[in-house]
């Protein structure tokens, strides 16, 4: 791997010191500059032409995501790794939409950074395990919500209506069983179909069987 020039943009001196020490342990990584503000980071990036910029989100003068957007407008080929304690899906989405090549969580190990730099320099997207785990969990929840929609709450009268319909009873028979008028049966069944988002009595029958209201 060729020598990679790195620029750190983070307002925490102790963290920058730790990253500085870490990068110094890798012969293929050279730290060319540090900045505690977005404005200085943008200025240094134009002067030093780094290959990778490690960017915090919460900077004193500008959001790191906006700084990422502006920096890529100035230097389209630079790789930006967002490095933040904020690892929520919203921040990750915003960073990637702004053009970041990767997202690392500060709650992970610092030793992860050299690997992340190597990945993005190869044109790959890098997400730290903490970040990717959160995204996968959101995806899993989304699938769960799609595959298992909330069941409608049925009253006892709803269940009685469904059972009689599924048993093939006519409106007159249902009216007799429920002690209501035939017209009321028609209205009630129509409303029930609409609430369950069905368009035919056959769908009501299948629903009643599936829910165990009546045996197949």
C-alpha atoms as a PDB file:
ATOM      1  CA  UNK A   1       0.000   0.000   0.000  1.00  0.00           C
ATOM      2  CA  UNK A   2       1.382   3.454  -0.934  1.00  0.00           C
ATOM      3  CA  UNK A   3       1.976   6.102   1.674  1.00  0.00           C
ATOM      4  CA  UNK A   4      -1.333   7.695   2.657  1.00  0.00           C
ATOM      5  CA  UNK A   5      -1.477  11.299   3.816  1.00  0.00           C
ATOM      6  CA  UNK A   6      -3.948  11.847   6.674  1.00  0.00           C
ATOM      7  CA  UNK A   7      -5.534  14.954   8.155  1.00  0.00           C
ATOM      8  CA  UNK A   8      -7.297  14.927  11.553  1.00  0.00           C
ATOM      9  CA  UNK A   9     -10.204  17.290  12.221  1.00  0.00           C
ATOM     10  CA  UNK A  10     -11.323  16.963  15.856  1.00  0.00           C
ATOM     11  CA  UNK A  11     -11.585  19.464  18.701  1.00  0.00           C
ATOM     12  CA  UNK A  12     -10.440  17.023  21.417  1.00  0.00           C
ATOM     13  CA  UNK A  13      -6.650  17.352  21.933  1.00  0.00           C
ATOM     14  CA  UNK A  14      -6.318  14.101  23.880  1.00  0.00           C
ATOM     15  CA  UNK A  15      -8.064  12.137  21.135  1.00  0.00           C
ATOM     16  CA  UNK A  16      -5.896  13.741  18.456  1.00  0.00           C
ATOM     17  CA  UNK A  17      -2.816  12.820  20.476  1.00  0.00           C
ATOM     18  CA  UNK A  18      -3.966   9.203  20.640  1.00  0.00           C
ATOM     19  CA  UNK A  19      -4.628   9.079  16.907  1.00  0.00           C
ATOM     20  CA  UNK A  20      -1.318  10.787  16.209  1.00  0.00           C
ATOM     21  CA  UNK A  21       0.517   8.117  18.186  1.00  0.00           C
ATOM     22  CA  UNK A  22      -1.444   5.358  16.465  1.00  0.00           C
ATOM     23  CA  UNK A  23      -0.773   6.620  12.942  1.00  0.00           C
ATOM     24  CA  UNK A  24       2.941   7.022  13.727  1.00  0.00           C
ATOM     25  CA  UNK A  25       3.104   3.240  14.269  1.00  0.00           C
ATOM     26  CA  UNK A  26       2.218   2.596  10.626  1.00  0.00           C
ATOM     27  CA  UNK A  27       4.904   3.297   8.014  1.00  0.00           C
ATOM     28  CA  UNK A  28       2.323   3.613   5.240  1.00  0.00           C
ATOM     29  CA  UNK A  29       0.357   6.369   7.035  1.00  0.00           C
ATOM     30  CA  UNK A  30       1.594   9.944   7.393  1.00  0.00           C
ATOM     31  CA  UNK A  31      -0.165  12.567   9.488  1.00  0.00           C
ATOM     32  CA  UNK A  32       0.195  15.807   7.543  1.00  0.00           C
ATOM     33  CA  UNK A  33      -1.960  18.042   9.738  1.00  0.00           C
ATOM     34  CA  UNK A  34      -4.432  18.533  12.565  1.00  0.00           C
ATOM     35  CA  UNK A  35      -7.336  20.932  13.027  1.00  0.00           C
ATOM     36  CA  UNK A  36      -9.649  21.669  15.942  1.00  0.00           C
ATOM     37  CA  UNK A  37     -12.233  23.461  13.801  1.00  0.00           C
ATOM     38  CA  UNK A  38     -13.975  22.795  10.506  1.00  0.00           C
ATOM     39  CA  UNK A  39     -12.733  26.070   9.028  1.00  0.00           C
ATOM     40  CA  UNK A  40      -9.098  25.228   9.764  1.00  0.00           C
ATOM     41  CA  UNK A  41      -9.672  21.700   8.486  1.00  0.00           C
ATOM     42  CA  UNK A  42     -10.989  22.999   5.168  1.00  0.00           C
ATOM     43  CA  UNK A  43      -8.069  25.404   4.863  1.00  0.00           C
ATOM     44  CA  UNK A  44      -5.425  22.775   5.681  1.00  0.00           C
ATOM     45  CA  UNK A  45      -7.012  20.270   3.313  1.00  0.00           C
ATOM     46  CA  UNK A  46      -6.608  22.713   0.411  1.00  0.00           C
ATOM     47  CA  UNK A  47      -2.997  23.418   1.395  1.00  0.00           C
ATOM     48  CA  UNK A  48      -1.896  19.845   2.161  1.00  0.00           C
ATOM     49  CA  UNK A  49      -4.011  17.753  -0.249  1.00  0.00           C
ATOM     50  CA  UNK A  50      -4.471  14.787   2.114  1.00  0.00           C
ATOM     51  CA  UNK A  51      -5.676  11.417   0.843  1.00  0.00           C
ATOM     52  CA  UNK A  52      -7.885  10.846   3.901  1.00  0.00           C
ATOM     53  CA  UNK A  53      -9.540  13.244   6.328  1.00  0.00           C
ATOM     54  CA  UNK A  54     -10.690  11.879   9.694  1.00  0.00           C
ATOM     55  CA  UNK A  55     -13.642  14.119  10.576  1.00  0.00           C
ATOM     56  CA  UNK A  56     -15.499  14.552  13.865  1.00  0.00           C
ATOM     57  CA  UNK A  57     -19.184  15.541  13.687  1.00  0.00           C
ATOM     58  CA  UNK A  58     -19.450  17.933  16.622  1.00  0.00           C
ATOM     59  CA  UNK A  59     -17.011  20.740  15.855  1.00  0.00           C
ATOM     60  CA  UNK A  60     -17.169  24.196  17.494  1.00  0.00           C
ATOM     61  CA  UNK A  61     -17.801  26.172  14.306  1.00  0.00           C
ATOM     62  CA  UNK A  62     -19.584  23.806  11.907  1.00  0.00           C
ATOM     63  CA  UNK A  63     -21.278  20.412  11.820  1.00  0.00           C
ATOM     64  CA  UNK A  64     -18.798  17.819  10.558  1.00  0.00           C
ATOM     65  CA  UNK A  65     -21.341  16.544   8.053  1.00  0.00           C
ATOM     66  CA  UNK A  66     -21.627  19.972   6.453  1.00  0.00           C
ATOM     67  CA  UNK A  67     -17.842  20.257   6.560  1.00  0.00           C
ATOM     68  CA  UNK A  68     -17.664  16.912   4.732  1.00  0.00           C
ATOM     69  CA  UNK A  69     -20.001  18.237   2.042  1.00  0.00           C
ATOM     70  CA  UNK A  70     -17.981  21.424   1.607  1.00  0.00           C
ATOM     71  CA  UNK A  71     -14.641  19.634   1.600  1.00  0.00           C
ATOM     72  CA  UNK A  72     -15.732  17.230  -1.139  1.00  0.00           C
ATOM     73  CA  UNK A  73     -16.890  20.226  -3.143  1.00  0.00           C
ATOM     74  CA  UNK A  74     -13.336  21.551  -2.953  1.00  0.00           C
ATOM     75  CA  UNK A  75     -11.463  18.231  -3.205  1.00  0.00           C
ATOM     76  CA  UNK A  76     -13.724  15.623  -4.851  1.00  0.00           C
ATOM     77  CA  UNK A  77     -11.133  12.835  -4.644  1.00  0.00           C
ATOM     78  CA  UNK A  78     -10.395  13.037  -0.924  1.00  0.00           C
ATOM     79  CA  UNK A  79     -11.685  10.207   1.263  1.00  0.00           C
ATOM     80  CA  UNK A  80     -13.488  11.264   4.436  1.00  0.00           C
ATOM     81  CA  UNK A  81     -13.876   9.030   7.459  1.00  0.00           C
ATOM     82  CA  UNK A  82     -16.370  10.369   9.964  1.00  0.00           C
ATOM     83  CA  UNK A  83     -15.154   9.536  13.462  1.00  0.00           C
ATOM     84  CA  UNK A  84     -17.754  10.341  16.105  1.00  0.00           C
ATOM     85  CA  UNK A  85     -19.325   9.275  19.379  1.00  0.00           C
ATOM     86  CA  UNK A  86     -22.673   9.724  17.637  1.00  0.00           C
ATOM     87  CA  UNK A  87     -23.433   6.454  15.866  1.00  0.00           C
ATOM     88  CA  UNK A  88     -27.185   6.733  15.379  1.00  0.00           C
ATOM     89  CA  UNK A  89     -28.733   5.722  12.051  1.00  0.00           C
ATOM     90  CA  UNK A  90     -29.691   9.331  11.332  1.00  0.00           C
ATOM     91  CA  UNK A  91     -26.114  10.614  11.631  1.00  0.00           C
ATOM     92  CA  UNK A  92     -24.740   7.706   9.605  1.00  0.00           C
ATOM     93  CA  UNK A  93     -27.256   8.291   6.814  1.00  0.00           C
ATOM     94  CA  UNK A  94     -26.498  12.014   6.725  1.00  0.00           C
ATOM     95  CA  UNK A  95     -22.741  11.414   6.608  1.00  0.00           C
ATOM     96  CA  UNK A  96     -22.969   8.902   3.775  1.00  0.00           C
ATOM     97  CA  UNK A  97     -25.348  11.153   1.849  1.00  0.00           C
ATOM     98  CA  UNK A  98     -22.814  13.979   2.237  1.00  0.00           C
ATOM     99  CA  UNK A  99     -20.225  11.738   0.577  1.00  0.00           C
ATOM    100  CA  UNK A 100     -18.268  10.239   3.478  1.00  0.00           C
ATOM    101  CA  UNK A 101     -16.414   7.029   2.634  1.00  0.00           C
ATOM    102  CA  UNK A 102     -16.776   5.547   6.091  1.00  0.00           C
ATOM    103  CA  UNK A 103     -18.119   5.978   9.594  1.00  0.00           C
ATOM    104  CA  UNK A 104     -16.333   4.955  12.784  1.00  0.00           C
ATOM    105  CA  UNK A 105     -17.665   5.020  16.302  1.00  0.00           C
ATOM    106  CA  UNK A 106     -15.460   6.510  19.003  1.00  0.00           C
ATOM    107  CA  UNK A 107     -16.755   3.831  21.342  1.00  0.00           C
ATOM    108  CA  UNK A 108     -14.735   1.279  19.365  1.00  0.00           C
ATOM    109  CA  UNK A 109     -11.006   0.613  19.466  1.00  0.00           C
ATOM    110  CA  UNK A 110      -8.664   3.283  18.076  1.00  0.00           C
ATOM    111  CA  UNK A 111      -6.714   0.485  16.375  1.00  0.00           C
ATOM    112  CA  UNK A 112      -9.621   0.183  13.977  1.00  0.00           C
ATOM    113  CA  UNK A 113      -8.638   3.419  12.208  1.00  0.00           C
ATOM    114  CA  UNK A 114      -5.694   2.110  10.104  1.00  0.00           C
ATOM    115  CA  UNK A 115      -7.872  -0.693   8.756  1.00  0.00           C
ATOM    116  CA  UNK A 116     -10.643   1.791   7.947  1.00  0.00           C
ATOM    117  CA  UNK A 117      -8.170   4.024   6.092  1.00  0.00           C
ATOM    118  CA  UNK A 118      -6.913   1.054   4.090  1.00  0.00           C
ATOM    119  CA  UNK A 119     -10.466   0.086   3.133  1.00  0.00           C
ATOM    120  CA  UNK A 120     -11.538   3.525   1.937  1.00  0.00           C
ATOM    121  CA  UNK A 121      -8.307   3.987  -0.016  1.00  0.00           C
ATOM    122  CA  UNK A 122      -9.251   0.810  -1.890  1.00  0.00           C
ATOM    123  CA  UNK A 123     -12.571   2.409  -2.785  1.00  0.00           C
ATOM    124  CA  UNK A 124     -14.601   0.437  -0.238  1.00  0.00           C
ATOM    125  CA  UNK A 125     -17.167   1.743   2.230  1.00  0.00           C
ATOM    126  CA  UNK A 126     -16.123   1.228   5.847  1.00  0.00           C
ATOM    127  CA  UNK A 127     -18.564   1.027   8.744  1.00  0.00           C
ATOM    128  CA  UNK A 128     -17.330   0.139  12.212  1.00  0.00           C
ATOM    129  CA  UNK A 129     -18.946  -2.908  13.852  1.00  0.00           C
ATOM    130  CA  UNK A 130     -20.963  -0.713  16.229  1.00  0.00           C
ATOM    131  CA  UNK A 131     -22.357   1.270  13.298  1.00  0.00           C
ATOM    132  CA  UNK A 132     -23.119  -1.676  11.029  1.00  0.00           C
ATOM    133  CA  UNK A 133     -24.752  -3.562  13.917  1.00  0.00           C
ATOM    134  CA  UNK A 134     -27.141  -0.655  14.469  1.00  0.00           C
ATOM    135  CA  UNK A 135     -28.017  -0.503  10.779  1.00  0.00           C
ATOM    136  CA  UNK A 136     -28.635  -4.248  10.626  1.00  0.00           C
ATOM    137  CA  UNK A 137     -30.860  -4.046  13.702  1.00  0.00           C
ATOM    138  CA  UNK A 138     -32.912  -1.258  12.092  1.00  0.00           C
ATOM    139  CA  UNK A 139     -33.183  -3.353   8.935  1.00  0.00           C
ATOM    140  CA  UNK A 140     -34.267  -6.396  10.932  1.00  0.00           C
ATOM    141  CA  UNK A 141     -36.931  -4.379  12.718  1.00  0.00           C
ATOM    142  CA  UNK A 142     -38.148  -3.043   9.389  1.00  0.00           C
ATOM    143  CA  UNK A 143     -38.498  -6.566   8.009  1.00  0.00           C
ATOM    144  CA  UNK A 144     -40.318  -7.644  11.148  1.00  0.00           C
ATOM    145  CA  UNK A 145     -42.781  -4.786  10.825  1.00  0.00           C
ATOM    146  CA  UNK A 146     -43.384  -5.605   7.163  1.00  0.00           C
ATOM    147  CA  UNK A 147     -43.782  -9.338   7.641  1.00  0.00           C
ATOM    148  CA  UNK A 148     -45.878  -9.067  10.777  1.00  0.00           C
ATOM    149  CA  UNK A 149     -48.256  -6.126  10.545  1.00  0.00           C
ATOM    150  CA  UNK A 150     -50.240  -5.251  13.635  1.00  0.00           C
ATOM    151  CA  UNK A 151     -53.364  -7.376  13.902  1.00  0.00           C
ATOM    152  CA  UNK A 152     -56.667  -5.527  14.096  1.00  0.00           C
ATOM    153  CA  UNK A 153     -58.444  -5.635  17.445  1.00  0.00           C
ATOM    154  CA  UNK A 154     -61.657  -7.604  17.033  1.00  0.00           C
ATOM    155  CA  UNK A 155     -64.660  -7.285  19.302  1.00  0.00           C
ATOM    156  CA  UNK A 156     -66.764 -10.287  20.253  1.00  0.00           C
ATOM    157  CA  UNK A 157     -69.428  -9.137  17.784  1.00  0.00           C
ATOM    158  CA  UNK A 158     -66.757  -8.944  15.040  1.00  0.00           C
ATOM    159  CA  UNK A 159     -65.750 -12.516  15.760  1.00  0.00           C
ATOM    160  CA  UNK A 160     -69.354 -13.663  15.726  1.00  0.00           C
ATOM    161  CA  UNK A 161     -69.892 -12.014  12.357  1.00  0.00           C
ATOM    162  CA  UNK A 162     -66.740 -13.567  10.928  1.00  0.00           C
ATOM    163  CA  UNK A 163     -67.674 -17.009  12.213  1.00  0.00           C
ATOM    164  CA  UNK A 164     -71.151 -16.873  10.676  1.00  0.00           C
ATOM    165  CA  UNK A 165     -69.836 -15.565   7.352  1.00  0.00           C
ATOM    166  CA  UNK A 166     -67.161 -18.265   7.270  1.00  0.00           C
ATOM    167  CA  UNK A 167     -69.802 -20.927   8.011  1.00  0.00           C
ATOM    168  CA  UNK A 168     -71.656 -19.812   4.904  1.00  0.00           C
ATOM    169  CA  UNK A 169     -74.650 -18.232   6.617  1.00  0.00           C
ATOM    170  CA  UNK A 170     -76.760 -15.848   4.556  1.00  0.00           C
ATOM    171  CA  UNK A 171     -77.520 -12.321   5.701  1.00  0.00           C
ATOM    172  CA  UNK A 172     -80.983 -13.345   6.905  1.00  0.00           C
ATOM    173  CA  UNK A 173     -79.542 -16.167   9.004  1.00  0.00           C
ATOM    174  CA  UNK A 174     -76.843 -13.908  10.422  1.00  0.00           C
ATOM    175  CA  UNK A 175     -79.474 -11.297  11.281  1.00  0.00           C
ATOM    176  CA  UNK A 176     -81.471 -13.919  13.172  1.00  0.00           C
ATOM    177  CA  UNK A 177     -78.403 -15.189  15.037  1.00  0.00           C
ATOM    178  CA  UNK A 178     -77.247 -11.700  16.045  1.00  0.00           C
ATOM    179  CA  UNK A 179     -80.750 -10.330  16.630  1.00  0.00           C
ATOM    180  CA  UNK A 180     -80.276  -7.417  14.205  1.00  0.00           C
ATOM    181  CA  UNK A 181     -81.874  -6.443  10.896  1.00  0.00           C
ATOM    182  CA  UNK A 182     -80.688  -7.778   7.527  1.00  0.00           C
ATOM    183  CA  UNK A 183     -79.716  -4.237   6.501  1.00  0.00           C
ATOM    184  CA  UNK A 184     -77.602  -3.918   9.659  1.00  0.00           C
ATOM    185  CA  UNK A 185     -75.845  -7.153   8.748  1.00  0.00           C
ATOM    186  CA  UNK A 186     -74.951  -5.769   5.322  1.00  0.00           C
ATOM    187  CA  UNK A 187     -73.670  -2.512   6.818  1.00  0.00           C
ATOM    188  CA  UNK A 188     -71.712  -4.277   9.572  1.00  0.00           C
ATOM    189  CA  UNK A 189     -70.068  -6.718   7.150  1.00  0.00           C
ATOM    190  CA  UNK A 190     -69.173  -3.908   4.743  1.00  0.00           C
ATOM    191  CA  UNK A 191     -67.524  -1.912   7.538  1.00  0.00           C
ATOM    192  CA  UNK A 192     -65.675  -4.988   8.782  1.00  0.00           C
ATOM    193  CA  UNK A 193     -64.298  -5.718   5.297  1.00  0.00           C
ATOM    194  CA  UNK A 194     -63.154  -2.112   4.974  1.00  0.00           C
ATOM    195  CA  UNK A 195     -61.448  -2.165   8.386  1.00  0.00           C
ATOM    196  CA  UNK A 196     -59.632  -5.389   7.518  1.00  0.00           C
ATOM    197  CA  UNK A 197     -58.802  -4.026   4.055  1.00  0.00           C
ATOM    198  CA  UNK A 198     -60.582  -6.851   2.235  1.00  0.00           C
ATOM    199  CA  UNK A 199     -62.711  -6.597  -0.887  1.00  0.00           C
ATOM    200  CA  UNK A 200     -64.608  -9.895  -0.934  1.00  0.00           C
ATOM    201  CA  UNK A 201     -66.400 -12.275   1.461  1.00  0.00           C
ATOM    202  CA  UNK A 202     -63.922 -14.984   0.449  1.00  0.00           C
ATOM    203  CA  UNK A 203     -61.111 -12.932   2.005  1.00  0.00           C
ATOM    204  CA  UNK A 204     -63.124 -12.678   5.226  1.00  0.00           C
ATOM    205  CA  UNK A 205     -63.471 -16.457   5.263  1.00  0.00           C
ATOM    206  CA  UNK A 206     -59.729 -16.964   4.786  1.00  0.00           C
ATOM    207  CA  UNK A 207     -59.033 -14.452   7.550  1.00  0.00           C
ATOM    208  CA  UNK A 208     -61.441 -16.219   9.934  1.00  0.00           C
ATOM    209  CA  UNK A 209     -59.734 -19.565   9.254  1.00  0.00           C
ATOM    210  CA  UNK A 210     -56.239 -18.131   9.589  1.00  0.00           C
ATOM    211  CA  UNK A 211     -57.092 -16.489  12.919  1.00  0.00           C
ATOM    212  CA  UNK A 212     -58.696 -19.662  14.275  1.00  0.00           C
ATOM    213  CA  UNK A 213     -62.160 -18.074  14.510  1.00  0.00           C
ATOM    214  CA  UNK A 214     -63.547 -20.997  12.559  1.00  0.00           C
ATOM    215  CA  UNK A 215     -62.016 -24.333  11.588  1.00  0.00           C
ATOM    216  CA  UNK A 216     -61.121 -25.054   7.981  1.00  0.00           C
END
